[in-house]
Amino acid sequence: MTNLQMPTNSATATNSDMKSERPIVAALLAMGAGVVIYGLLVVLTEISADVKDFLSLKDSVGPLSGKTIFGVLAWLVIWAVLHLALRKTTIDLWRAFQISLVMVGIGVLFTFPIFFKLFA
């Protein structure tokens, strides 16, 4: 059985460990950014009738169809860009996880009616 332990700082991880974590870091940060973009689309839909009409790709679904499709597309594009951009840099996996959690929290906050109705 493998004993998984979180490193206490980035100095404890070897250079090869950091290299193998680059795709994971890119995926985590892209996931957080995708959730923030989805949340922003929710808020923009409430603010603007034009955005709501633009995001209504399927009439039976309404703007949810556009919010979902554009949110996923943004996530995929950001993931690809970050994957390429982080090939030559080293970012701590734990730090990337913390940043992504903050972004997910912000994005989820944007989807709550109590929040987005402040802008309506």
Protein backbone atom coordinates (compact mmCIF):
# COMPACT_ATOMS: atom_id res chain seq x y z
CA MET A 1 0.00 0.00 0.00
CA THR A 2 1.29 3.45 -0.91
CA ASN A 3 1.68 6.08 1.77
CA LEU A 4 0.61 9.43 0.27
CA GLN A 5 1.96 12.48 2.03
CA MET A 6 1.66 16.10 1.09
CA PRO A 7 5.02 17.87 0.87
CA THR A 8 5.43 20.59 3.46
CA ASN A 9 7.11 22.91 0.97
CA SER A 10 8.21 22.92 -2.64
CA ALA A 11 11.81 22.20 -1.64
CA THR A 12 10.90 18.64 -0.63
CA ALA A 13 9.75 17.69 -4.12
CA THR A 14 12.35 16.64 -6.67
CA ASN A 15 12.70 18.34 -10.03
CA SER A 16 11.30 15.28 -11.85
CA ASP A 17 8.28 15.25 -9.52
CA MET A 18 7.59 18.89 -10.36
CA LYS A 19 7.87 18.15 -14.10
CA SER A 20 5.36 15.33 -13.88
CA GLU A 21 2.92 17.61 -12.03
CA ARG A 22 2.82 20.27 -14.75
CA PRO A 23 -0.16 18.73 -16.64
CA ILE A 24 -2.02 18.34 -13.34
CA VAL A 25 -1.34 21.97 -12.41
CA ALA A 26 -2.61 23.08 -15.84
CA ALA A 27 -5.77 21.00 -15.44
CA LEU A 28 -6.46 22.32 -11.93
CA LEU A 29 -5.99 25.97 -12.86
CA ALA A 30 -8.05 25.55 -16.05
CA MET A 31 -10.83 23.92 -14.06
CA GLY A 32 -10.95 26.85 -11.67
CA ALA A 33 -10.91 29.36 -14.51
CA GLY A 34 -13.67 27.46 -16.31
CA VAL A 35 -15.91 27.59 -13.24
CA VAL A 36 -15.28 31.33 -12.87
CA ILE A 37 -16.16 31.89 -16.53
CA TYR A 38 -19.33 29.85 -16.17
CA GLY A 39 -20.29 31.91 -13.12
CA LEU A 40 -19.60 35.13 -15.01
CA LEU A 41 -21.84 33.92 -17.84
CA VAL A 42 -24.61 33.35 -15.29
CA VAL A 43 -24.24 36.90 -13.99
CA LEU A 44 -24.02 38.39 -17.50
CA THR A 45 -27.18 36.53 -18.48
CA GLU A 46 -29.02 38.21 -15.63
CA ILE A 47 -27.60 41.65 -16.42
CA SER A 48 -28.10 41.78 -20.17
CA ALA A 49 -31.02 40.67 -22.33
CA ASP A 50 -28.67 40.66 -25.33
CA VAL A 51 -26.33 38.18 -23.63
CA LYS A 52 -29.32 36.10 -22.60
CA ASP A 53 -30.56 35.99 -26.20
CA PHE A 54 -27.06 35.22 -27.51
CA LEU A 55 -26.61 32.33 -25.08
CA SER A 56 -30.03 30.84 -25.88
CA LEU A 57 -28.68 28.37 -28.43
CA LYS A 58 -31.62 26.01 -28.02
CA ASP A 59 -35.03 27.56 -27.32
CA SER A 60 -36.27 24.65 -25.22
CA VAL A 61 -33.24 24.94 -22.93
CA GLY A 62 -32.78 28.71 -22.94
CA PRO A 63 -29.53 30.43 -22.00
CA LEU A 64 -28.37 27.39 -20.02
CA SER A 65 -27.34 25.77 -23.30
CA GLY A 66 -25.00 28.62 -24.21
CA LYS A 67 -23.63 29.04 -20.69
CA THR A 68 -22.72 25.36 -20.55
CA ILE A 69 -21.25 25.13 -24.05
CA PHE A 70 -19.22 28.33 -23.79
CA GLY A 71 -18.09 27.50 -20.25
CA VAL A 72 -16.80 24.09 -21.34
CA LEU A 73 -15.16 25.54 -24.46
CA ALA A 74 -13.42 28.19 -22.34
CA TRP A 75 -12.21 25.51 -19.94
CA LEU A 76 -10.79 23.39 -22.78
CA VAL A 77 -9.04 26.34 -24.43
CA ILE A 78 -7.57 27.53 -21.12
CA TRP A 79 -6.44 24.00 -20.33
CA ALA A 80 -4.63 23.69 -23.67
CA VAL A 81 -3.01 27.12 -23.32
CA LEU A 82 -1.90 26.46 -19.73
CA HIS A 83 -0.60 23.02 -20.66
CA LEU A 84 1.64 24.59 -23.29
CA ALA A 85 2.54 27.62 -21.16
CA LEU A 86 3.55 25.62 -18.10
CA ARG A 87 5.88 23.23 -19.93
CA LYS A 88 8.96 25.19 -18.90
CA THR A 89 7.90 26.52 -15.53
CA THR A 90 7.56 24.96 -12.12
CA ILE A 91 4.50 25.57 -10.02
CA ASP A 92 3.82 23.82 -6.74
CA LEU A 93 0.90 21.39 -7.03
CA TRP A 94 -0.44 22.25 -3.58
CA ARG A 95 -0.41 25.97 -4.42
CA ALA A 96 -2.21 25.32 -7.71
CA PHE A 97 -4.81 23.28 -5.82
CA GLN A 98 -5.39 26.13 -3.37
CA ILE A 99 -5.74 28.67 -6.19
CA SER A 100 -8.17 26.43 -8.05
CA LEU A 101 -10.29 25.99 -4.91
CA VAL A 102 -10.55 29.76 -4.52
CA MET A 103 -11.56 30.12 -8.19
CA VAL A 104 -14.17 27.37 -7.87
CA GLY A 105 -15.57 29.09 -4.78
CA ILE A 106 -15.85 32.39 -6.63
CA GLY A 107 -17.42 30.74 -9.67
CA VAL A 108 -19.97 28.86 -7.58
CA LEU A 109 -20.81 32.04 -5.67
CA PHE A 110 -21.65 33.70 -9.00
CA THR A 111 -24.27 31.00 -9.70
CA PHE A 112 -26.33 31.60 -6.54
CA PRO A 113 -29.50 33.64 -7.12
CA ILE A 114 -28.81 35.74 -4.02
CA PHE A 115 -25.59 36.92 -5.68
CA PHE A 116 -26.54 37.29 -9.34
CA LYS A 117 -29.85 39.01 -8.55
CA LEU A 118 -27.83 41.86 -7.06
CA PHE A 119 -26.98 42.78 -10.65
CA ALA A 120 -30.42 42.25 -12.21
